[in-house]
Amino acid sequence: MQGGLIVALADETIAHAMMTELNPEEGLTTIELKSNFLAGVSDGDLIATATVFKKGQSLMIGDCLVTDNKEKNVCRVSATFLLLRKKQK
């Protein structure tokens, strides 16, 4: 499987984990990603599991581990997201 697809899966998984901690007036966007490819994948399913490491005033940091269907570690991704807030009218 192409590595960019694995990173995109991890980015989306981290974003969804972070959404569980957002207030209704907050959004987010990725500003930094770091990936470590640990093994290749040629077939089977991928499972992405993400956690929120920290939510600050303007940034959130999260991590994701992507494994294959045999629980082999495939890719580890860390990401920083910028918190976006709706402007007051």
C-alpha atoms as a PDB file:
ATOM      1  CA  MET A   1       0.000   0.000   0.000  1.00  0.00           C
ATOM      2  CA  GLN A   2       1.233   3.479  -0.820  1.00  0.00           C
ATOM      3  CA  GLY A   3       2.581   5.299   2.264  1.00  0.00           C
ATOM      4  CA  GLY A   4       0.648   8.517   1.640  1.00  0.00           C
ATOM      5  CA  LEU A   5      -2.637   6.643   1.976  1.00  0.00           C
ATOM      6  CA  ILE A   6      -1.551   5.236   5.331  1.00  0.00           C
ATOM      7  CA  VAL A   7      -0.599   8.726   6.561  1.00  0.00           C
ATOM      8  CA  ALA A   8      -3.931  10.132   5.320  1.00  0.00           C
ATOM      9  CA  LEU A   9      -5.752   7.412   7.288  1.00  0.00           C
ATOM     10  CA  ALA A  10      -3.762   8.307  10.412  1.00  0.00           C
ATOM     11  CA  ASP A  11      -4.359  12.061   9.956  1.00  0.00           C
ATOM     12  CA  GLU A  12      -8.103  11.533   9.650  1.00  0.00           C
ATOM     13  CA  THR A  13      -8.160   9.167  12.642  1.00  0.00           C
ATOM     14  CA  ILE A  14      -6.302  11.672  14.829  1.00  0.00           C
ATOM     15  CA  ALA A  15      -8.686  14.442  13.720  1.00  0.00           C
ATOM     16  CA  HIS A  16     -11.710  12.356  14.726  1.00  0.00           C
ATOM     17  CA  ALA A  17     -10.173  11.609  18.136  1.00  0.00           C
ATOM     18  CA  MET A  18      -9.609  15.349  18.622  1.00  0.00           C
ATOM     19  CA  MET A  19     -13.170  16.219  17.579  1.00  0.00           C
ATOM     20  CA  THR A  20     -14.399  14.423  20.702  1.00  0.00           C
ATOM     21  CA  GLU A  21     -12.673  17.131  22.795  1.00  0.00           C
ATOM     22  CA  LEU A  22     -13.764  20.215  20.845  1.00  0.00           C
ATOM     23  CA  ASN A  23     -16.283  22.780  22.014  1.00  0.00           C
ATOM     24  CA  PRO A  24     -19.146  23.541  19.591  1.00  0.00           C
ATOM     25  CA  GLU A  25     -17.472  26.789  18.438  1.00  0.00           C
ATOM     26  CA  GLU A  26     -14.114  25.092  17.690  1.00  0.00           C
ATOM     27  CA  GLY A  27     -12.748  23.483  14.552  1.00  0.00           C
ATOM     28  CA  LEU A  28      -9.284  22.264  13.652  1.00  0.00           C
ATOM     29  CA  THR A  29      -6.791  21.874  10.832  1.00  0.00           C
ATOM     30  CA  THR A  30      -3.559  19.908  10.533  1.00  0.00           C
ATOM     31  CA  ILE A  31      -0.413  22.038  10.650  1.00  0.00           C
ATOM     32  CA  GLU A  32       2.261  19.348  11.139  1.00  0.00           C
ATOM     33  CA  LEU A  33       2.582  15.588  10.587  1.00  0.00           C
ATOM     34  CA  LYS A  34       5.456  13.237  11.352  1.00  0.00           C
ATOM     35  CA  SER A  35       5.316   9.632  10.220  1.00  0.00           C
ATOM     36  CA  ASN A  36       7.494   6.625  10.954  1.00  0.00           C
ATOM     37  CA  PHE A  37       6.955   3.702   8.606  1.00  0.00           C
ATOM     38  CA  LEU A  38       7.624   0.489  10.501  1.00  0.00           C
ATOM     39  CA  ALA A  39       6.623  -2.214   8.007  1.00  0.00           C
ATOM     40  CA  GLY A  40       5.275  -2.597   4.504  1.00  0.00           C
ATOM     41  CA  VAL A  41       1.745  -3.755   3.724  1.00  0.00           C
ATOM     42  CA  SER A  42       0.664  -5.573   0.578  1.00  0.00           C
ATOM     43  CA  ASP A  43      -2.749  -6.960   1.553  1.00  0.00           C
ATOM     44  CA  GLY A  44      -5.274  -7.183   4.377  1.00  0.00           C
ATOM     45  CA  ASP A  45      -6.973  -4.544   6.485  1.00  0.00           C
ATOM     46  CA  LEU A  46      -5.392  -1.634   8.312  1.00  0.00           C
ATOM     47  CA  ILE A  47      -6.526  -0.528  11.778  1.00  0.00           C
ATOM     48  CA  ALA A  48      -5.774   3.027  12.947  1.00  0.00           C
ATOM     49  CA  THR A  49      -5.998   3.890  16.651  1.00  0.00           C
ATOM     50  CA  ALA A  50      -5.532   7.497  17.768  1.00  0.00           C
ATOM     51  CA  THR A  51      -5.210   9.345  21.055  1.00  0.00           C
ATOM     52  CA  VAL A  52      -5.151  13.007  21.986  1.00  0.00           C
ATOM     53  CA  PHE A  53      -1.887  13.795  23.749  1.00  0.00           C
ATOM     54  CA  LYS A  54      -2.659  17.407  24.696  1.00  0.00           C
ATOM     55  CA  LYS A  55      -5.184  20.164  24.056  1.00  0.00           C
ATOM     56  CA  GLY A  56      -3.803  23.648  24.626  1.00  0.00           C
ATOM     57  CA  GLN A  57      -5.194  27.139  24.006  1.00  0.00           C
ATOM     58  CA  SER A  58      -4.423  27.141  20.280  1.00  0.00           C
ATOM     59  CA  LEU A  59      -2.906  23.741  19.441  1.00  0.00           C
ATOM     60  CA  MET A  60      -3.741  20.073  19.886  1.00  0.00           C
ATOM     61  CA  ILE A  61      -1.263  17.202  19.634  1.00  0.00           C
ATOM     62  CA  GLY A  62      -2.278  13.658  18.803  1.00  0.00           C
ATOM     63  CA  ASP A  63      -0.768  10.291  17.979  1.00  0.00           C
ATOM     64  CA  CYS A  64      -1.871   7.341  15.857  1.00  0.00           C
ATOM     65  CA  LEU A  65      -0.648   3.799  15.468  1.00  0.00           C
ATOM     66  CA  VAL A  66      -1.624   1.958  12.292  1.00  0.00           C
ATOM     67  CA  THR A  67      -1.496  -1.834  12.447  1.00  0.00           C
ATOM     68  CA  ASP A  68      -2.377  -4.590  10.012  1.00  0.00           C
ATOM     69  CA  ASN A  69      -5.003  -7.252  10.608  1.00  0.00           C
ATOM     70  CA  LYS A  70      -2.317  -9.416  12.262  1.00  0.00           C
ATOM     71  CA  GLU A  71      -1.602  -6.626  14.819  1.00  0.00           C
ATOM     72  CA  LYS A  72       1.782  -5.846  13.259  1.00  0.00           C
ATOM     73  CA  ASN A  73       2.807  -2.187  13.661  1.00  0.00           C
ATOM     74  CA  VAL A  74       2.847  -0.538  10.232  1.00  0.00           C
ATOM     75  CA  CYS A  75       3.113   3.211  10.854  1.00  0.00           C
ATOM     76  CA  ARG A  76       3.282   5.629  13.777  1.00  0.00           C
ATOM     77  CA  VAL A  77       2.104   9.209  13.191  1.00  0.00           C
ATOM     78  CA  SER A  78       2.246  12.293  15.419  1.00  0.00           C
ATOM     79  CA  ALA A  79       0.302  15.393  14.419  1.00  0.00           C
ATOM     80  CA  THR A  80      -0.190  18.969  15.550  1.00  0.00           C
ATOM     81  CA  PHE A  81      -3.491  20.665  14.800  1.00  0.00           C
ATOM     82  CA  LEU A  82      -4.388  24.349  14.993  1.00  0.00           C
ATOM     83  CA  LEU A  83      -7.602  25.084  16.883  1.00  0.00           C
ATOM     84  CA  LEU A  84      -9.960  27.304  14.911  1.00  0.00           C
ATOM     85  CA  ARG A  85     -12.605  29.360  16.694  1.00  0.00           C
ATOM     86  CA  LYS A  86     -15.679  31.003  15.203  1.00  0.00           C
ATOM     87  CA  LYS A  87     -15.450  34.764  15.347  1.00  0.00           C
ATOM     88  CA  GLN A  88     -17.927  36.546  17.617  1.00  0.00           C
ATOM     89  CA  LYS A  89     -20.386  38.814  15.774  1.00  0.00           C
END
